[in-house]
Amino acid sequence: MGEYSIEELNSSSMQIILHAGNARELYNEALDQAEAGMESAVGSLLDAAEEEVVCAHRIQTRLIQGAIEQEHPDMTVLFIHAQDTLMSVDSEYRLVKRLIKLYGKLAEMGER
């Protein structure tokens, strides 16, 4: 990507936050569905959330690669926040997948 402006960095950072937030909402919905015993909806919600995370990661990677190419890369607080948001959502994803698996096991045991 090479050189980019602060406005481009901020715009891309907002896109990362948007996609990460969308993923978080979908993960929470998947967990709600699993908790309610609606396993049929869980897979598609997780797939949609993963697509959002992939979009966010692509933007992040592009920005980082561009920063590597710059002699004095610009990093903004908004970009740092975007990265933090994305990494938090990634951690939540791992936890949600484990909880959904647990709900499935409880359902098999008749505990719900």
N, C-alpha and C. Protein backbone atom coordinates (compact mmCIF):
# COMPACT_ATOMS: atom_id res chain seq x y z
N MET A 1 0.83 -1.19 0.00
CA MET A 1 0.00 0.00 0.00
C MET A 1 0.87 1.25 0.00
N GLY A 2 2.01 1.18 0.66
CA GLY A 2 2.89 2.34 0.67
C GLY A 2 2.36 3.43 1.58
N GLU A 3 2.55 4.67 1.15
CA GLU A 3 2.12 5.83 1.93
C GLU A 3 0.59 5.91 1.99
N TYR A 4 0.09 6.29 3.14
CA TYR A 4 -1.34 6.54 3.27
C TYR A 4 -1.53 7.71 4.23
N SER A 5 -2.64 8.38 4.09
CA SER A 5 -2.91 9.57 4.90
C SER A 5 -3.54 9.16 6.23
N ILE A 6 -3.52 10.10 7.16
CA ILE A 6 -4.18 9.88 8.45
C ILE A 6 -5.67 9.63 8.23
N GLU A 7 -6.26 10.32 7.28
CA GLU A 7 -7.69 10.12 7.00
C GLU A 7 -7.95 8.70 6.51
N GLU A 8 -7.07 8.18 5.65
CA GLU A 8 -7.22 6.80 5.17
C GLU A 8 -7.02 5.81 6.31
N LEU A 9 -6.05 6.08 7.17
CA LEU A 9 -5.80 5.22 8.32
C LEU A 9 -7.01 5.21 9.25
N ASN A 10 -7.56 6.38 9.52
CA ASN A 10 -8.72 6.46 10.40
C ASN A 10 -9.95 5.80 9.78
N SER A 11 -10.15 5.99 8.49
CA SER A 11 -11.29 5.36 7.81
C SER A 11 -11.16 3.83 7.86
N SER A 12 -9.97 3.35 7.57
CA SER A 12 -9.74 1.90 7.62
C SER A 12 -9.88 1.37 9.04
N SER A 13 -9.43 2.15 10.02
CA SER A 13 -9.57 1.75 11.42
C SER A 13 -11.04 1.62 11.80
N MET A 14 -11.86 2.54 11.34
CA MET A 14 -13.29 2.47 11.61
C MET A 14 -13.91 1.23 10.96
N GLN A 15 -13.42 0.86 9.78
CA GLN A 15 -13.92 -0.35 9.13
C GLN A 15 -13.55 -1.60 9.95
N ILE A 16 -12.35 -1.62 10.50
CA ILE A 16 -11.95 -2.74 11.36
C ILE A 16 -12.90 -2.83 12.55
N ILE A 17 -13.14 -1.70 13.19
CA ILE A 17 -14.04 -1.66 14.36
C ILE A 17 -15.44 -2.10 13.97
N LEU A 18 -15.93 -1.65 12.83
CA LEU A 18 -17.26 -2.03 12.35
C LEU A 18 -17.37 -3.54 12.14
N HIS A 19 -16.41 -4.11 11.42
CA HIS A 19 -16.45 -5.56 11.16
C HIS A 19 -16.30 -6.36 12.45
N ALA A 20 -15.42 -5.91 13.34
CA ALA A 20 -15.24 -6.61 14.62
C ALA A 20 -16.52 -6.53 15.45
N GLY A 21 -17.15 -5.37 15.45
CA GLY A 21 -18.41 -5.22 16.19
C GLY A 21 -19.52 -6.09 15.62
N ASN A 22 -19.58 -6.18 14.30
CA ASN A 22 -20.56 -7.07 13.66
C ASN A 22 -20.31 -8.51 14.07
N ALA A 23 -19.05 -8.91 14.09
CA ALA A 23 -18.70 -10.28 14.49
C ALA A 23 -19.11 -10.52 15.94
N ARG A 24 -18.85 -9.56 16.80
CA ARG A 24 -19.22 -9.71 18.22
C ARG A 24 -20.72 -9.92 18.36
N GLU A 25 -21.50 -9.15 17.64
CA GLU A 25 -22.96 -9.31 17.70
C GLU A 25 -23.38 -10.70 17.23
N LEU A 26 -22.77 -11.15 16.15
CA LEU A 26 -23.11 -12.48 15.62
C LEU A 26 -22.68 -13.59 16.59
N TYR A 27 -21.52 -13.44 17.22
CA TYR A 27 -21.09 -14.43 18.21
C TYR A 27 -22.06 -14.48 19.38
N ASN A 28 -22.48 -13.32 19.83
CA ASN A 28 -23.42 -13.29 20.95
C ASN A 28 -24.76 -13.91 20.56
N GLU A 29 -25.20 -13.65 19.35
CA GLU A 29 -26.45 -14.26 18.87
C GLU A 29 -26.30 -15.78 18.78
N ALA A 30 -25.16 -16.24 18.30
CA ALA A 30 -24.91 -17.69 18.22
C ALA A 30 -24.94 -18.30 19.60
N LEU A 31 -24.35 -17.63 20.57
CA LEU A 31 -24.35 -18.15 21.93
C LEU A 31 -25.76 -18.15 22.50
N ASP A 32 -26.53 -17.10 22.24
CA ASP A 32 -27.93 -17.07 22.67
C ASP A 32 -28.71 -18.22 22.07
N GLN A 33 -28.50 -18.48 20.79
CA GLN A 33 -29.20 -19.58 20.12
C GLN A 33 -28.81 -20.93 20.71
N ALA A 34 -27.53 -21.09 20.99
CA ALA A 34 -27.06 -22.34 21.60
C ALA A 34 -27.68 -22.52 22.98
N GLU A 35 -27.72 -21.46 23.74
CA GLU A 35 -28.29 -21.51 25.08
C GLU A 35 -29.77 -21.87 25.03
N ALA A 36 -30.45 -21.39 23.99
CA ALA A 36 -31.88 -21.65 23.84
C ALA A 36 -32.16 -23.01 23.20
N GLY A 37 -31.10 -23.75 22.86
CA GLY A 37 -31.29 -25.07 22.26
C GLY A 37 -31.57 -25.02 20.77
N MET A 38 -31.28 -23.91 20.12
CA MET A 38 -31.54 -23.74 18.69
C MET A 38 -30.25 -23.96 17.90
N GLU A 39 -29.69 -25.15 18.02
CA GLU A 39 -28.39 -25.43 17.41
C GLU A 39 -28.36 -25.25 15.90
N SER A 40 -29.50 -25.36 15.25
CA SER A 40 -29.53 -25.25 13.79
C SER A 40 -29.11 -23.87 13.29
N ALA A 41 -29.29 -22.85 14.11
CA ALA A 41 -28.93 -21.49 13.70
C ALA A 41 -27.49 -21.12 14.03
N VAL A 42 -26.87 -21.89 14.90
CA VAL A 42 -25.56 -21.54 15.42
C VAL A 42 -24.49 -21.53 14.33
N GLY A 43 -24.44 -22.54 13.51
CA GLY A 43 -23.39 -22.67 12.49
C GLY A 43 -23.37 -21.50 11.52
N SER A 44 -24.53 -21.10 11.03
CA SER A 44 -24.56 -20.00 10.07
C SER A 44 -24.18 -18.68 10.72
N LEU A 45 -24.55 -18.50 11.98
CA LEU A 45 -24.16 -17.27 12.69
C LEU A 45 -22.65 -17.22 12.89
N LEU A 46 -22.05 -18.34 13.27
CA LEU A 46 -20.59 -18.40 13.44
C LEU A 46 -19.88 -18.18 12.11
N ASP A 47 -20.42 -18.74 11.04
CA ASP A 47 -19.82 -18.54 9.71
C ASP A 47 -19.86 -17.07 9.31
N ALA A 48 -21.00 -16.41 9.55
CA ALA A 48 -21.13 -15.00 9.21
C ALA A 48 -20.17 -14.15 10.05
N ALA A 49 -20.04 -14.50 11.31
CA ALA A 49 -19.12 -13.78 12.19
C ALA A 49 -17.68 -13.95 11.72
N GLU A 50 -17.34 -15.15 11.31
CA GLU A 50 -15.99 -15.40 10.83
C GLU A 50 -15.69 -14.58 9.58
N GLU A 51 -16.67 -14.43 8.70
CA GLU A 51 -16.48 -13.58 7.51
C GLU A 51 -16.19 -12.14 7.90
N GLU A 52 -16.88 -11.64 8.92
CA GLU A 52 -16.63 -10.28 9.40
C GLU A 52 -15.21 -10.14 9.94
N VAL A 53 -14.76 -11.13 10.70
CA VAL A 53 -13.41 -11.09 11.26
C VAL A 53 -12.36 -11.15 10.15
N VAL A 54 -12.61 -11.97 9.15
CA VAL A 54 -11.68 -12.07 8.03
C VAL A 54 -11.57 -10.71 7.33
N CYS A 55 -12.68 -10.04 7.12
CA CYS A 55 -12.65 -8.70 6.50
C CYS A 55 -11.82 -7.74 7.36
N ALA A 56 -12.04 -7.77 8.65
CA ALA A 56 -11.29 -6.88 9.55
C ALA A 56 -9.81 -7.20 9.52
N HIS A 57 -9.47 -8.49 9.53
CA HIS A 57 -8.06 -8.90 9.50
C HIS A 57 -7.40 -8.47 8.18
N ARG A 58 -8.11 -8.55 7.09
CA ARG A 58 -7.55 -8.13 5.80
C ARG A 58 -7.21 -6.64 5.81
N ILE A 59 -8.10 -5.84 6.36
CA ILE A 59 -7.84 -4.41 6.44
C ILE A 59 -6.64 -4.15 7.35
N GLN A 60 -6.62 -4.80 8.49
CA GLN A 60 -5.52 -4.64 9.43
C GLN A 60 -4.19 -5.03 8.79
N THR A 61 -4.17 -6.14 8.09
CA THR A 61 -2.94 -6.60 7.43
C THR A 61 -2.47 -5.60 6.40
N ARG A 62 -3.41 -5.06 5.62
CA ARG A 62 -3.06 -4.06 4.61
C ARG A 62 -2.43 -2.84 5.26
N LEU A 63 -3.00 -2.39 6.37
CA LEU A 63 -2.46 -1.22 7.06
C LEU A 63 -1.07 -1.51 7.64
N ILE A 64 -0.90 -2.67 8.21
CA ILE A 64 0.39 -3.02 8.79
C ILE A 64 1.45 -3.15 7.70
N GLN A 65 1.09 -3.79 6.60
CA GLN A 65 2.04 -3.90 5.49
C GLN A 65 2.41 -2.53 4.96
N GLY A 66 1.44 -1.64 4.88
CA GLY A 66 1.72 -0.28 4.44
C GLY A 66 2.64 0.44 5.41
N ALA A 67 2.43 0.22 6.70
CA ALA A 67 3.29 0.86 7.70
C ALA A 67 4.72 0.35 7.61
N ILE A 68 4.88 -0.92 7.31
CA ILE A 68 6.22 -1.50 7.18
C ILE A 68 6.97 -0.84 6.03
N GLU A 69 6.26 -0.50 4.98
CA GLU A 69 6.87 0.12 3.80
C GLU A 69 7.23 1.58 4.01
N GLN A 70 6.67 2.22 5.02
CA GLN A 70 6.93 3.64 5.28
C GLN A 70 8.17 3.80 6.15
N GLU A 71 8.89 4.86 5.89
CA GLU A 71 10.06 5.15 6.70
C GLU A 71 9.65 5.57 8.12
N HIS A 72 8.60 6.39 8.21
CA HIS A 72 8.07 6.86 9.50
C HIS A 72 6.55 6.63 9.48
N PRO A 73 6.12 5.43 9.78
CA PRO A 73 4.68 5.14 9.68
C PRO A 73 3.86 5.91 10.72
N ASP A 74 2.67 6.29 10.31
CA ASP A 74 1.73 6.94 11.21
C ASP A 74 0.84 5.88 11.83
N MET A 75 0.70 5.93 13.13
CA MET A 75 -0.25 5.08 13.84
C MET A 75 -1.08 6.01 14.70
N THR A 76 -2.37 5.84 14.67
CA THR A 76 -3.25 6.71 15.45
C THR A 76 -3.84 5.93 16.61
N VAL A 77 -4.36 6.67 17.56
CA VAL A 77 -5.05 6.05 18.69
C VAL A 77 -6.24 5.23 18.17
N LEU A 78 -6.89 5.72 17.15
CA LEU A 78 -8.03 4.99 16.58
C LEU A 78 -7.58 3.65 16.01
N PHE A 79 -6.44 3.60 15.34
CA PHE A 79 -5.94 2.34 14.81
C PHE A 79 -5.58 1.38 15.94
N ILE A 80 -4.97 1.90 16.98
CA ILE A 80 -4.65 1.05 18.14
C ILE A 80 -5.93 0.51 18.76
N HIS A 81 -6.95 1.35 18.86
CA HIS A 81 -8.25 0.90 19.37
C HIS A 81 -8.84 -0.18 18.46
N ALA A 82 -8.73 0.03 17.16
CA ALA A 82 -9.26 -0.96 16.20
C ALA A 82 -8.57 -2.31 16.39
N GLN A 83 -7.25 -2.29 16.54
CA GLN A 83 -6.53 -3.54 16.74
C GLN A 83 -6.95 -4.20 18.05
N ASP A 84 -7.09 -3.40 19.10
CA ASP A 84 -7.52 -3.93 20.39
C ASP A 84 -8.90 -4.55 20.29
N THR A 85 -9.80 -3.87 19.60
CA THR A 85 -11.16 -4.39 19.42
C THR A 85 -11.14 -5.72 18.67
N LEU A 86 -10.38 -5.77 17.61
CA LEU A 86 -10.30 -6.99 16.81
C LEU A 86 -9.72 -8.15 17.62
N MET A 87 -8.68 -7.90 18.38
CA MET A 87 -8.08 -8.96 19.19
C MET A 87 -9.02 -9.42 20.30
N SER A 88 -9.78 -8.48 20.87
CA SER A 88 -10.77 -8.86 21.89
C SER A 88 -11.85 -9.75 21.30
N VAL A 89 -12.32 -9.37 20.13
CA VAL A 89 -13.35 -10.18 19.46
C VAL A 89 -12.81 -11.55 19.11
N ASP A 90 -11.56 -11.62 18.71
CA ASP A 90 -10.95 -12.90 18.40
C ASP A 90 -10.92 -13.79 19.65
N SER A 91 -10.61 -13.22 20.80
CA SER A 91 -10.62 -13.99 22.05
C SER A 91 -12.04 -14.43 22.40
N GLU A 92 -12.99 -13.52 22.21
CA GLU A 92 -14.39 -13.87 22.48
C GLU A 92 -14.84 -15.03 21.60
N TYR A 93 -14.41 -15.03 20.36
CA TYR A 93 -14.76 -16.09 19.42
C TYR A 93 -14.34 -17.45 19.98
N ARG A 94 -13.11 -17.52 20.48
CA ARG A 94 -12.62 -18.79 21.02
C ARG A 94 -13.45 -19.23 22.22
N LEU A 95 -13.81 -18.29 23.07
CA LEU A 95 -14.62 -18.60 24.24
C LEU A 95 -16.03 -19.03 23.84
N VAL A 96 -16.63 -18.30 22.90
CA VAL A 96 -17.99 -18.62 22.45
C VAL A 96 -18.03 -20.02 21.85
N LYS A 97 -17.04 -20.36 21.04
CA LYS A 97 -17.03 -21.71 20.44
C LYS A 97 -16.97 -22.78 21.53
N ARG A 98 -16.20 -22.56 22.57
CA ARG A 98 -16.11 -23.54 23.65
C ARG A 98 -17.43 -23.60 24.42
N LEU A 99 -18.07 -22.47 24.65
CA LEU A 99 -19.34 -22.46 25.35
C LEU A 99 -20.43 -23.15 24.53
N ILE A 100 -20.43 -22.92 23.24
CA ILE A 100 -21.42 -23.58 22.38
C ILE A 100 -21.23 -25.09 22.42
N LYS A 101 -19.98 -25.53 22.40
CA LYS A 101 -19.70 -26.96 22.50
C LYS A 101 -20.22 -27.50 23.84
N LEU A 102 -20.04 -26.73 24.90
CA LEU A 102 -20.52 -27.13 26.22
C LEU A 102 -22.04 -27.23 26.23
N TYR A 103 -22.72 -26.25 25.64
CA TYR A 103 -24.18 -26.31 25.56
C TYR A 103 -24.63 -27.56 24.80
N GLY A 104 -23.91 -27.90 23.75
CA GLY A 104 -24.25 -29.11 23.00
C GLY A 104 -24.11 -30.37 23.85
N LYS A 105 -23.05 -30.43 24.62
CA LYS A 105 -22.84 -31.60 25.50
C LYS A 105 -23.91 -31.66 26.58
N LEU A 106 -24.26 -30.50 27.13
CA LEU A 106 -25.32 -30.48 28.13
C LEU A 106 -26.65 -30.94 27.54
N ALA A 107 -26.92 -30.52 26.31
CA ALA A 107 -28.16 -30.94 25.65
C ALA A 107 -28.18 -32.45 25.44
N GLU A 108 -27.04 -33.01 25.06
CA GLU A 108 -26.94 -34.45 24.86
C GLU A 108 -27.20 -35.20 26.18
N MET A 109 -26.77 -34.60 27.26
CA MET A 109 -26.95 -35.23 28.58
C MET A 109 -28.32 -34.94 29.16
N GLY A 110 -29.12 -34.10 28.50
CA GLY A 110 -30.44 -33.77 28.99
C GLY A 110 -30.42 -32.81 30.16
N GLU A 111 -29.37 -32.02 30.26
CA GLU A 111 -29.20 -31.10 31.38
C GLU A 111 -29.86 -29.75 31.16
N ARG A 112 -30.36 -29.49 29.97
CA ARG A 112 -30.98 -28.18 29.73
C ARG A 112 -32.44 -28.24 29.88
